[in-house]
Amino acid sequence: MSKIKKGDNVKMLSGKDRGKNGTVSLVLAQGADARVVIEGLNKVKKHQRARKQGQKGQIISVERPVNISSVQLICKSCGKPTRVGFKVDGDKKERICRKCSATI
């Protein structure tokens, strides 16, 4: 089970968007080199070539992945950035907030 999942609200801890909040749109691989893509954050300009005859090239803005260690989950109940803990209840494993002990 992953600490950060798609749809989670997170806060950026480092980089040019430090302190901003966003929603995780994609989680890439688990483990030490895990990365996440956050909607509206860590945007970079990308030059795109013309694909067809008569079409113009353009500069588009895309969201780049950031390391999963650069984001912190925001608890839904207390609204604070928190570390994620786990609680095993029978055969279920749940994520919990380390600050208010609420299930995420």
PDB file of N, CA and C in Angstrom:
ATOM      1  N   MET A   1       0.846  -1.185   0.000  1.00  0.00           N
ATOM      2  CA  MET A   1       0.000   0.000   0.000  1.00  0.00           C
ATOM      3  C   MET A   1       0.886   1.241   0.000  1.00  0.00           C
ATOM      4  N   SER A   2       0.526   2.186  -0.844  1.00  0.00           N
ATOM      5  CA  SER A   2       1.307   3.404  -1.000  1.00  0.00           C
ATOM      6  C   SER A   2       0.867   4.480  -0.014  1.00  0.00           C
ATOM      7  N   LYS A   3       1.804   5.318   0.375  1.00  0.00           N
ATOM      8  CA  LYS A   3       1.477   6.407   1.287  1.00  0.00           C
ATOM      9  C   LYS A   3       0.734   7.527   0.578  1.00  0.00           C
ATOM     10  N   ILE A   4       1.040   7.752  -0.695  1.00  0.00           N
ATOM     11  CA  ILE A   4       0.371   8.794  -1.474  1.00  0.00           C
ATOM     12  C   ILE A   4      -0.255   8.146  -2.704  1.00  0.00           C
ATOM     13  N   LYS A   5      -1.545   8.458  -2.924  1.00  0.00           N
ATOM     14  CA  LYS A   5      -2.289   7.854  -4.018  1.00  0.00           C
ATOM     15  C   LYS A   5      -2.880   8.919  -4.927  1.00  0.00           C
ATOM     16  N   LYS A   6      -3.377   8.477  -6.070  1.00  0.00           N
ATOM     17  CA  LYS A   6      -4.044   9.373  -7.016  1.00  0.00           C
ATOM     18  C   LYS A   6      -5.276   9.984  -6.343  1.00  0.00           C
ATOM     19  N   GLY A   7      -5.452  11.294  -6.522  1.00  0.00           N
ATOM     20  CA  GLY A   7      -6.602  11.980  -5.939  1.00  0.00           C
ATOM     21  C   GLY A   7      -6.336  12.609  -4.584  1.00  0.00           C
ATOM     22  N   ASP A   8      -5.181  12.313  -3.981  1.00  0.00           N
ATOM     23  CA  ASP A   8      -4.828  12.895  -2.677  1.00  0.00           C
ATOM     24  C   ASP A   8      -4.484  14.367  -2.834  1.00  0.00           C
ATOM     25  N   ASN A   9      -4.811  15.150  -1.817  1.00  0.00           N
ATOM     26  CA  ASN A   9      -4.441  16.558  -1.775  1.00  0.00           C
ATOM     27  C   ASN A   9      -3.085  16.645  -1.080  1.00  0.00           C
ATOM     28  N   VAL A  10      -2.097  17.264  -1.731  1.00  0.00           N
ATOM     29  CA  VAL A  10      -0.741  17.311  -1.191  1.00  0.00           C
ATOM     30  C   VAL A  10      -0.194  18.730  -1.192  1.00  0.00           C
ATOM     31  N   LYS A  11       0.853  18.946  -0.386  1.00  0.00           N
ATOM     32  CA  LYS A  11       1.551  20.226  -0.311  1.00  0.00           C
ATOM     33  C   LYS A  11       2.976  20.009  -0.790  1.00  0.00           C
ATOM     34  N   MET A  12       3.467  20.929  -1.645  1.00  0.00           N
ATOM     35  CA  MET A  12       4.843  20.845  -2.134  1.00  0.00           C
ATOM     36  C   MET A  12       5.797  21.324  -1.052  1.00  0.00           C
ATOM     37  N   LEU A  13       6.860  20.552  -0.803  1.00  0.00           N
ATOM     38  CA  LEU A  13       7.837  20.890   0.225  1.00  0.00           C
ATOM     39  C   LEU A  13       9.091  21.535  -0.346  1.00  0.00           C
ATOM     40  N   SER A  14       9.328  21.361  -1.648  1.00  0.00           N
ATOM     41  CA  SER A  14      10.540  21.912  -2.244  1.00  0.00           C
ATOM     42  C   SER A  14      10.282  22.312  -3.690  1.00  0.00           C
ATOM     43  N   GLY A  15      11.228  23.036  -4.258  1.00  0.00           N
ATOM     44  CA  GLY A  15      11.129  23.445  -5.651  1.00  0.00           C
ATOM     45  C   GLY A  15      10.504  24.814  -5.811  1.00  0.00           C
ATOM     46  N   LYS A  16      10.253  25.190  -7.048  1.00  0.00           N
ATOM     47  CA  LYS A  16       9.735  26.534  -7.330  1.00  0.00           C
ATOM     48  C   LYS A  16       8.298  26.721  -6.850  1.00  0.00           C
ATOM     49  N   ASP A  17       7.562  25.643  -6.662  1.00  0.00           N
ATOM     50  CA  ASP A  17       6.180  25.717  -6.195  1.00  0.00           C
ATOM     51  C   ASP A  17       6.049  25.365  -4.711  1.00  0.00           C
ATOM     52  N   ARG A  18       7.116  25.572  -3.940  1.00  0.00           N
ATOM     53  CA  ARG A  18       7.111  25.238  -2.514  1.00  0.00           C
ATOM     54  C   ARG A  18       5.988  25.966  -1.779  1.00  0.00           C
ATOM     55  N   GLY A  19       5.239  25.212  -0.949  1.00  0.00           N
ATOM     56  CA  GLY A  19       4.156  25.794  -0.164  1.00  0.00           C
ATOM     57  C   GLY A  19       2.794  25.741  -0.836  1.00  0.00           C
ATOM     58  N   LYS A  20       2.751  25.411  -2.133  1.00  0.00           N
ATOM     59  CA  LYS A  20       1.477  25.351  -2.857  1.00  0.00           C
ATOM     60  C   LYS A  20       0.834  23.981  -2.697  1.00  0.00           C
ATOM     61  N   ASN A  21      -0.489  23.968  -2.806  1.00  0.00           N
ATOM     62  CA  ASN A  21      -1.240  22.723  -2.696  1.00  0.00           C
ATOM     63  C   ASN A  21      -1.755  22.293  -4.059  1.00  0.00           C
ATOM     64  N   GLY A  22      -1.940  20.993  -4.238  1.00  0.00           N
ATOM     65  CA  GLY A  22      -2.480  20.465  -5.478  1.00  0.00           C
ATOM     66  C   GLY A  22      -2.964  19.048  -5.292  1.00  0.00           C
ATOM     67  N   THR A  23      -3.589  18.520  -6.329  1.00  0.00           N
ATOM     68  CA  THR A  23      -4.126  17.163  -6.306  1.00  0.00           C
ATOM     69  C   THR A  23      -3.247  16.251  -7.150  1.00  0.00           C
ATOM     70  N   VAL A  24      -2.963  15.072  -6.642  1.00  0.00           N
ATOM     71  CA  VAL A  24      -2.132  14.101  -7.365  1.00  0.00           C
ATOM     72  C   VAL A  24      -2.946  13.537  -8.520  1.00  0.00           C
ATOM     73  N   SER A  25      -2.422  13.656  -9.743  1.00  0.00           N
ATOM     74  CA  SER A  25      -3.115  13.135 -10.907  1.00  0.00           C
ATOM     75  C   SER A  25      -2.518  11.812 -11.396  1.00  0.00           C
ATOM     76  N   LEU A  26      -1.264  11.532 -11.007  1.00  0.00           N
ATOM     77  CA  LEU A  26      -0.612  10.309 -11.472  1.00  0.00           C
ATOM     78  C   LEU A  26       0.513   9.934 -10.520  1.00  0.00           C
ATOM     79  N   VAL A  27       0.605   8.648 -10.173  1.00  0.00           N
ATOM     80  CA  VAL A  27       1.702   8.143  -9.351  1.00  0.00           C
ATOM     81  C   VAL A  27       2.526   7.210 -10.225  1.00  0.00           C
ATOM     82  N   LEU A  28       3.825   7.489 -10.344  1.00  0.00           N
ATOM     83  CA  LEU A  28       4.717   6.704 -11.197  1.00  0.00           C
ATOM     84  C   LEU A  28       5.635   5.839 -10.348  1.00  0.00           C
ATOM     85  N   ALA A  29       5.471   4.531 -10.411  1.00  0.00           N
ATOM     86  CA  ALA A  29       6.321   3.534  -9.738  1.00  0.00           C
ATOM     87  C   ALA A  29       6.362   3.718  -8.231  1.00  0.00           C
ATOM     88  N   GLN A  30       6.541   2.642  -7.541  1.00  0.00           N
ATOM     89  CA  GLN A  30       6.651   2.665  -6.082  1.00  0.00           C
ATOM     90  C   GLN A  30       8.100   2.409  -5.705  1.00  0.00           C
ATOM     91  N   GLY A  31       8.459   2.738  -4.495  1.00  0.00           N
ATOM     92  CA  GLY A  31       9.817   2.479  -4.024  1.00  0.00           C
ATOM     93  C   GLY A  31      10.610   3.749  -3.834  1.00  0.00           C
ATOM     94  N   ALA A  32      11.925   3.621  -3.877  1.00  0.00           N
ATOM     95  CA  ALA A  32      12.819   4.731  -3.565  1.00  0.00           C
ATOM     96  C   ALA A  32      12.760   5.849  -4.607  1.00  0.00           C
ATOM     97  N   ASP A  33      12.550   5.507  -5.866  1.00  0.00           N
ATOM     98  CA  ASP A  33      12.544   6.527  -6.920  1.00  0.00           C
ATOM     99  C   ASP A  33      11.131   6.845  -7.405  1.00  0.00           C
ATOM    100  N   ALA A  34      10.144   6.728  -6.526  1.00  0.00           N
ATOM    101  CA  ALA A  34       8.752   6.998  -6.889  1.00  0.00           C
ATOM    102  C   ALA A  34       8.562   8.484  -7.168  1.00  0.00           C
ATOM    103  N   ARG A  35       7.706   8.779  -8.141  1.00  0.00           N
ATOM    104  CA  ARG A  35       7.440  10.164  -8.517  1.00  0.00           C
ATOM    105  C   ARG A  35       5.933  10.360  -8.650  1.00  0.00           C
ATOM    106  N   VAL A  36       5.496  11.610  -8.498  1.00  0.00           N
ATOM    107  CA  VAL A  36       4.082  11.940  -8.637  1.00  0.00           C
ATOM    108  C   VAL A  36       3.927  13.165  -9.540  1.00  0.00           C
ATOM    109  N   VAL A  37       2.803  13.217 -10.253  1.00  0.00           N
ATOM    110  CA  VAL A  37       2.455  14.371 -11.062  1.00  0.00           C
ATOM    111  C   VAL A  37       1.307  15.070 -10.346  1.00  0.00           C
ATOM    112  N   ILE A  38       1.463  16.386 -10.118  1.00  0.00           N
ATOM    113  CA  ILE A  38       0.468  17.154  -9.383  1.00  0.00           C
ATOM    114  C   ILE A  38      -0.160  18.173 -10.328  1.00  0.00           C
ATOM    115  N   GLU A  39      -1.499  18.219 -10.326  1.00  0.00           N
ATOM    116  CA  GLU A  39      -2.231  19.115 -11.223  1.00  0.00           C
ATOM    117  C   GLU A  39      -1.862  20.569 -10.958  1.00  0.00           C
ATOM    118  N   GLY A  40      -1.421  21.262 -12.004  1.00  0.00           N
ATOM    119  CA  GLY A  40      -1.152  22.686 -11.922  1.00  0.00           C
ATOM    120  C   GLY A  40       0.171  23.080 -11.302  1.00  0.00           C
ATOM    121  N   LEU A  41       0.970  22.119 -10.840  1.00  0.00           N
ATOM    122  CA  LEU A  41       2.252  22.436 -10.208  1.00  0.00           C
ATOM    123  C   LEU A  41       3.411  21.837 -10.995  1.00  0.00           C
ATOM    124  N   ASN A  42       4.615  22.410 -10.809  1.00  0.00           N
ATOM    125  CA  ASN A  42       5.843  21.990 -11.482  1.00  0.00           C
ATOM    126  C   ASN A  42       5.678  22.003 -13.000  1.00  0.00           C
ATOM    127  N   LYS A  43       5.098  23.086 -13.515  1.00  0.00           N
ATOM    128  CA  LYS A  43       4.893  23.213 -14.954  1.00  0.00           C
ATOM    129  C   LYS A  43       6.156  23.715 -15.634  1.00  0.00           C
ATOM    130  N   VAL A  44       6.435  23.168 -16.809  1.00  0.00           N
ATOM    131  CA  VAL A  44       7.559  23.592 -17.622  1.00  0.00           C
ATOM    132  C   VAL A  44       7.077  23.828 -19.049  1.00  0.00           C
ATOM    133  N   LYS A  45       7.805  24.676 -19.780  1.00  0.00           N
ATOM    134  CA  LYS A  45       7.475  24.956 -21.170  1.00  0.00           C
ATOM    135  C   LYS A  45       8.113  23.890 -22.052  1.00  0.00           C
ATOM    136  N   LYS A  46       7.358  23.411 -23.028  1.00  0.00           N
ATOM    137  CA  LYS A  46       7.853  22.390 -23.936  1.00  0.00           C
ATOM    138  C   LYS A  46       7.604  22.861 -25.365  1.00  0.00           C
ATOM    139  N   HIS A  47       8.639  22.812 -26.183  1.00  0.00           N
ATOM    140  CA  HIS A  47       8.501  23.199 -27.587  1.00  0.00           C
ATOM    141  C   HIS A  47       7.995  21.997 -28.366  1.00  0.00           C
ATOM    142  N   GLN A  48       6.896  22.184 -29.068  1.00  0.00           N
ATOM    143  CA  GLN A  48       6.288  21.097 -29.823  1.00  0.00           C
ATOM    144  C   GLN A  48       6.380  21.396 -31.311  1.00  0.00           C
ATOM    145  N   ARG A  49       6.877  20.435 -32.061  1.00  0.00           N
ATOM    146  CA  ARG A  49       7.025  20.593 -33.507  1.00  0.00           C
ATOM    147  C   ARG A  49       5.682  20.505 -34.204  1.00  0.00           C
ATOM    148  N   ALA A  50       5.644  21.020 -35.406  1.00  0.00           N
ATOM    149  CA  ALA A  50       4.465  20.857 -36.251  1.00  0.00           C
ATOM    150  C   ALA A  50       4.420  19.403 -36.713  1.00  0.00           C
ATOM    151  N   ARG A  51       3.292  18.751 -36.560  1.00  0.00           N
ATOM    152  CA  ARG A  51       3.171  17.335 -36.934  1.00  0.00           C
ATOM    153  C   ARG A  51       2.770  17.158 -38.404  1.00  0.00           C
ATOM    154  N   LYS A  52       1.856  18.018 -38.850  1.00  0.00           N
ATOM    155  CA  LYS A  52       1.349  17.880 -40.210  1.00  0.00           C
ATOM    156  C   LYS A  52       1.728  19.101 -41.047  1.00  0.00           C
ATOM    157  N   GLN A  53       1.584  18.949 -42.360  1.00  0.00           N
ATOM    158  CA  GLN A  53       1.866  20.047 -43.273  1.00  0.00           C
ATOM    159  C   GLN A  53       0.889  21.198 -43.011  1.00  0.00           C
ATOM    160  N   GLY A  54       1.421  22.403 -42.859  1.00  0.00           N
ATOM    161  CA  GLY A  54       0.572  23.564 -42.637  1.00  0.00           C
ATOM    162  C   GLY A  54       0.279  23.849 -41.167  1.00  0.00           C
ATOM    163  N   GLN A  55       0.550  22.885 -40.302  1.00  0.00           N
ATOM    164  CA  GLN A  55       0.323  23.090 -38.870  1.00  0.00           C
ATOM    165  C   GLN A  55       1.518  23.844 -38.278  1.00  0.00           C
ATOM    166  N   LYS A  56       1.279  24.689 -37.285  1.00  0.00           N
ATOM    167  CA  LYS A  56       2.357  25.458 -36.688  1.00  0.00           C
ATOM    168  C   LYS A  56       2.896  24.771 -35.444  1.00  0.00           C
ATOM    169  N   GLY A  57       4.185  24.956 -35.210  1.00  0.00           N
ATOM    170  CA  GLY A  57       4.775  24.508 -33.960  1.00  0.00           C
ATOM    171  C   GLY A  57       4.327  25.440 -32.845  1.00  0.00           C
ATOM    172  N   GLN A  58       4.387  24.960 -31.621  1.00  0.00           N
ATOM    173  CA  GLN A  58       3.928  25.792 -30.511  1.00  0.00           C
ATOM    174  C   GLN A  58       4.695  25.477 -29.233  1.00  0.00           C
ATOM    175  N   ILE A  59       4.558  26.352 -28.270  1.00  0.00           N
ATOM    176  CA  ILE A  59       5.150  26.133 -26.955  1.00  0.00           C
ATOM    177  C   ILE A  59       4.007  25.827 -26.006  1.00  0.00           C
ATOM    178  N   ILE A  60       4.041  24.629 -25.422  1.00  0.00           N
ATOM    179  CA  ILE A  60       2.976  24.223 -24.509  1.00  0.00           C
ATOM    180  C   ILE A  60       3.534  24.097 -23.093  1.00  0.00           C
ATOM    181  N   SER A  61       2.656  24.153 -22.116  1.00  0.00           N
ATOM    182  CA  SER A  61       3.031  24.043 -20.717  1.00  0.00           C
ATOM    183  C   SER A  61       2.593  22.672 -20.205  1.00  0.00           C
ATOM    184  N   VAL A  62       3.534  21.882 -19.688  1.00  0.00           N
ATOM    185  CA  VAL A  62       3.221  20.535 -19.201  1.00  0.00           C
ATOM    186  C   VAL A  62       3.654  20.383 -17.746  1.00  0.00           C
ATOM    187  N   GLU A  63       2.970  19.491 -17.030  1.00  0.00           N
ATOM    188  CA  GLU A  63       3.318  19.201 -15.638  1.00  0.00           C
ATOM    189  C   GLU A  63       4.337  18.070 -15.609  1.00  0.00           C
ATOM    190  N   ARG A  64       5.439  18.302 -14.915  1.00  0.00           N
ATOM    191  CA  ARG A  64       6.486  17.297 -14.814  1.00  0.00           C
ATOM    192  C   ARG A  64       6.381  16.565 -13.487  1.00  0.00           C
ATOM    193  N   PRO A  65       6.809  15.309 -13.437  1.00  0.00           N
ATOM    194  CA  PRO A  65       6.768  14.569 -12.171  1.00  0.00           C
ATOM    195  C   PRO A  65       7.783  15.121 -11.168  1.00  0.00           C
ATOM    196  N   VAL A  66       7.445  15.016  -9.884  1.00  0.00           N
ATOM    197  CA  VAL A  66       8.360  15.376  -8.798  1.00  0.00           C
ATOM    198  C   VAL A  66       8.548  14.152  -7.917  1.00  0.00           C
ATOM    199  N   ASN A  67       9.651  14.121  -7.206  1.00  0.00           N
ATOM    200  CA  ASN A  67       9.910  13.008  -6.308  1.00  0.00           C
ATOM    201  C   ASN A  67       8.855  12.970  -5.214  1.00  0.00           C
ATOM    202  N   ILE A  68       8.447  11.782  -4.829  1.00  0.00           N
ATOM    203  CA  ILE A  68       7.384  11.616  -3.842  1.00  0.00           C
ATOM    204  C   ILE A  68       7.802  12.152  -2.471  1.00  0.00           C
ATOM    205  N   SER A  69       9.110  12.280  -2.241  1.00  0.00           N
ATOM    206  CA  SER A  69       9.595  12.828  -0.977  1.00  0.00           C
ATOM    207  C   SER A  69       9.468  14.347  -0.926  1.00  0.00           C
ATOM    208  N   SER A  70       9.143  14.976  -2.057  1.00  0.00           N
ATOM    209  CA  SER A  70       8.997  16.431  -2.117  1.00  0.00           C
ATOM    210  C   SER A  70       7.576  16.891  -1.844  1.00  0.00           C
ATOM    211  N   VAL A  71       6.674  15.956  -1.547  1.00  0.00           N
ATOM    212  CA  VAL A  71       5.291  16.318  -1.256  1.00  0.00           C
ATOM    213  C   VAL A  71       4.875  15.727   0.089  1.00  0.00           C
ATOM    214  N   GLN A  72       3.887  16.362   0.719  1.00  0.00           N
ATOM    215  CA  GLN A  72       3.361  15.878   1.990  1.00  0.00           C
ATOM    216  C   GLN A  72       1.844  15.875   1.918  1.00  0.00           C
ATOM    217  N   LEU A  73       1.235  14.798   2.367  1.00  0.00           N
ATOM    218  CA  LEU A  73      -0.205  14.625   2.317  1.00  0.00           C
ATOM    219  C   LEU A  73      -0.906  15.604   3.245  1.00  0.00           C
ATOM    220  N   ILE A  74      -2.028  16.172   2.782  1.00  0.00           N
ATOM    221  CA  ILE A  74      -2.845  17.045   3.620  1.00  0.00           C
ATOM    222  C   ILE A  74      -4.034  16.224   4.108  1.00  0.00           C
ATOM    223  N   CYS A  75      -4.194  16.154   5.439  1.00  0.00           N
ATOM    224  CA  CYS A  75      -5.265  15.374   6.060  1.00  0.00           C
ATOM    225  C   CYS A  75      -6.619  16.002   5.737  1.00  0.00           C
ATOM    226  N   LYS A  76      -7.616  15.158   5.446  1.00  0.00           N
ATOM    227  CA  LYS A  76      -8.946  15.656   5.113  1.00  0.00           C
ATOM    228  C   LYS A  76      -9.687  16.155   6.348  1.00  0.00           C
ATOM    229  N   SER A  77      -9.408  15.564   7.502  1.00  0.00           N
ATOM    230  CA  SER A  77     -10.163  15.952   8.698  1.00  0.00           C
ATOM    231  C   SER A  77      -9.567  17.163   9.418  1.00  0.00           C
ATOM    232  N   CYS A  78      -8.241  17.208   9.606  1.00  0.00           N
ATOM    233  CA  CYS A  78      -7.649  18.350  10.319  1.00  0.00           C
ATOM    234  C   CYS A  78      -7.125  19.426   9.375  1.00  0.00           C
ATOM    235  N   GLY A  79      -6.941  19.103   8.084  1.00  0.00           N
ATOM    236  CA  GLY A  79      -6.523  20.087   7.093  1.00  0.00           C
ATOM    237  C   GLY A  79      -5.064  20.485   7.173  1.00  0.00           C
ATOM    238  N   LYS A  80      -4.248  19.730   7.897  1.00  0.00           N
ATOM    239  CA  LYS A  80      -2.831  20.049   8.057  1.00  0.00           C
ATOM    240  C   LYS A  80      -1.974  19.073   7.266  1.00  0.00           C
ATOM    241  N   PRO A  81      -0.798  19.524   6.792  1.00  0.00           N
ATOM    242  CA  PRO A  81       0.139  18.591   6.162  1.00  0.00           C
ATOM    243  C   PRO A  81       0.646  17.608   7.215  1.00  0.00           C
ATOM    244  N   THR A  82       0.649  16.344   6.889  1.00  0.00           N
ATOM    245  CA  THR A  82       0.988  15.329   7.873  1.00  0.00           C
ATOM    246  C   THR A  82       1.743  14.163   7.248  1.00  0.00           C
ATOM    247  N   ARG A  83       2.433  13.430   8.098  1.00  0.00           N
ATOM    248  CA  ARG A  83       3.028  12.175   7.670  1.00  0.00           C
ATOM    249  C   ARG A  83       1.929  11.117   7.680  1.00  0.00           C
ATOM    250  N   VAL A  84       2.137  10.039   6.936  1.00  0.00           N
ATOM    251  CA  VAL A  84       1.132   8.996   6.823  1.00  0.00           C
ATOM    252  C   VAL A  84       1.554   7.797   7.647  1.00  0.00           C
ATOM    253  N   GLY A  85       0.617   7.302   8.449  1.00  0.00           N
ATOM    254  CA  GLY A  85       0.849   6.087   9.211  1.00  0.00           C
ATOM    255  C   GLY A  85      -0.101   5.012   8.730  1.00  0.00           C
ATOM    256  N   PHE A  86       0.108   3.799   9.212  1.00  0.00           N
ATOM    257  CA  PHE A  86      -0.755   2.692   8.831  1.00  0.00           C
ATOM    258  C   PHE A  86      -1.306   2.015  10.066  1.00  0.00           C
ATOM    259  N   LYS A  87      -2.548   1.535   9.942  1.00  0.00           N
ATOM    260  CA  LYS A  87      -3.180   0.795  11.021  1.00  0.00           C
ATOM    261  C   LYS A  87      -3.784  -0.459  10.417  1.00  0.00           C
ATOM    262  N   VAL A  88      -3.458  -1.613  10.993  1.00  0.00           N
ATOM    263  CA  VAL A  88      -4.001  -2.872  10.509  1.00  0.00           C
ATOM    264  C   VAL A  88      -5.207  -3.221  11.372  1.00  0.00           C
ATOM    265  N   ASP A  89      -6.376  -3.353  10.713  1.00  0.00           N
ATOM    266  CA  ASP A  89      -7.609  -3.669  11.412  1.00  0.00           C
ATOM    267  C   ASP A  89      -8.154  -4.963  10.827  1.00  0.00           C
ATOM    268  N   GLY A  90      -7.840  -6.084  11.475  1.00  0.00           N
ATOM    269  CA  GLY A  90      -8.229  -7.388  10.935  1.00  0.00           C
ATOM    270  C   GLY A  90      -7.416  -7.691   9.696  1.00  0.00           C
ATOM    271  N   ASP A  91      -8.091  -7.817   8.553  1.00  0.00           N
ATOM    272  CA  ASP A  91      -7.383  -8.049   7.290  1.00  0.00           C
ATOM    273  C   ASP A  91      -7.300  -6.785   6.449  1.00  0.00           C
ATOM    274  N   LYS A  92      -7.735  -5.637   7.005  1.00  0.00           N
ATOM    275  CA  LYS A  92      -7.667  -4.362   6.294  1.00  0.00           C
ATOM    276  C   LYS A  92      -6.493  -3.541   6.794  1.00  0.00           C
ATOM    277  N   LYS A  93      -5.826  -2.866   5.867  1.00  0.00           N
ATOM    278  CA  LYS A  93      -4.735  -1.955   6.198  1.00  0.00           C
ATOM    279  C   LYS A  93      -5.173  -0.564   5.789  1.00  0.00           C
ATOM    280  N   GLU A  94      -5.213   0.375   6.735  1.00  0.00           N
ATOM    281  CA  GLU A  94      -5.708   1.713   6.465  1.00  0.00           C
ATOM    282  C   GLU A  94      -4.623   2.748   6.687  1.00  0.00           C
ATOM    283  N   ARG A  95      -4.681   3.831   5.910  1.00  0.00           N
ATOM    284  CA  ARG A  95      -3.776   4.951   6.117  1.00  0.00           C
ATOM    285  C   ARG A  95      -4.374   5.859   7.188  1.00  0.00           C
ATOM    286  N   ILE A  96      -3.527   6.347   8.094  1.00  0.00           N
ATOM    287  CA  ILE A  96      -4.015   7.255   9.136  1.00  0.00           C
ATOM    288  C   ILE A  96      -3.143   8.507   9.191  1.00  0.00           C
ATOM    289  N   CYS A  97      -3.739   9.600   9.688  1.00  0.00           N
ATOM    290  CA  CYS A  97      -3.038  10.864   9.888  1.00  0.00           C
ATOM    291  C   CYS A  97      -2.235  10.757  11.179  1.00  0.00           C
ATOM    292  N   ARG A  98      -0.968  11.154  11.145  1.00  0.00           N
ATOM    293  CA  ARG A  98      -0.123  11.098  12.330  1.00  0.00           C
ATOM    294  C   ARG A  98      -0.445  12.196  13.344  1.00  0.00           C
ATOM    295  N   LYS A  99      -1.147  13.246  12.884  1.00  0.00           N
ATOM    296  CA  LYS A  99      -1.451  14.361  13.786  1.00  0.00           C
ATOM    297  C   LYS A  99      -2.761  14.164  14.533  1.00  0.00           C
ATOM    298  N   CYS A 100      -3.833  13.729  13.804  1.00  0.00           N
ATOM    299  CA  CYS A 100      -5.131  13.609  14.460  1.00  0.00           C
ATOM    300  C   CYS A 100      -5.636  12.161  14.527  1.00  0.00           C
ATOM    301  N   SER A 101      -4.869  11.209  14.027  1.00  0.00           N
ATOM    302  CA  SER A 101      -5.192   9.777  14.040  1.00  0.00           C
ATOM    303  C   SER A 101      -6.471   9.415  13.283  1.00  0.00           C
ATOM    304  N   ALA A 102      -6.906  10.261  12.375  1.00  0.00           N
ATOM    305  CA  ALA A 102      -8.096   9.982  11.569  1.00  0.00           C
ATOM    306  C   ALA A 102      -7.726   9.128  10.363  1.00  0.00           C
ATOM    307  N   THR A 103      -8.664   8.310   9.905  1.00  0.00           N
ATOM    308  CA  THR A 103      -8.442   7.494   8.721  1.00  0.00           C
ATOM    309  C   THR A 103      -8.502   8.373   7.471  1.00  0.00           C
ATOM    310  N   ILE A 104      -7.528   8.185   6.590  1.00  0.00           N
ATOM    311  CA  ILE A 104      -7.459   8.991   5.363  1.00  0.00           C
ATOM    312  C   ILE A 104      -8.187   8.253   4.258  1.00  0.00           C
TER     313      ILE A 104
END
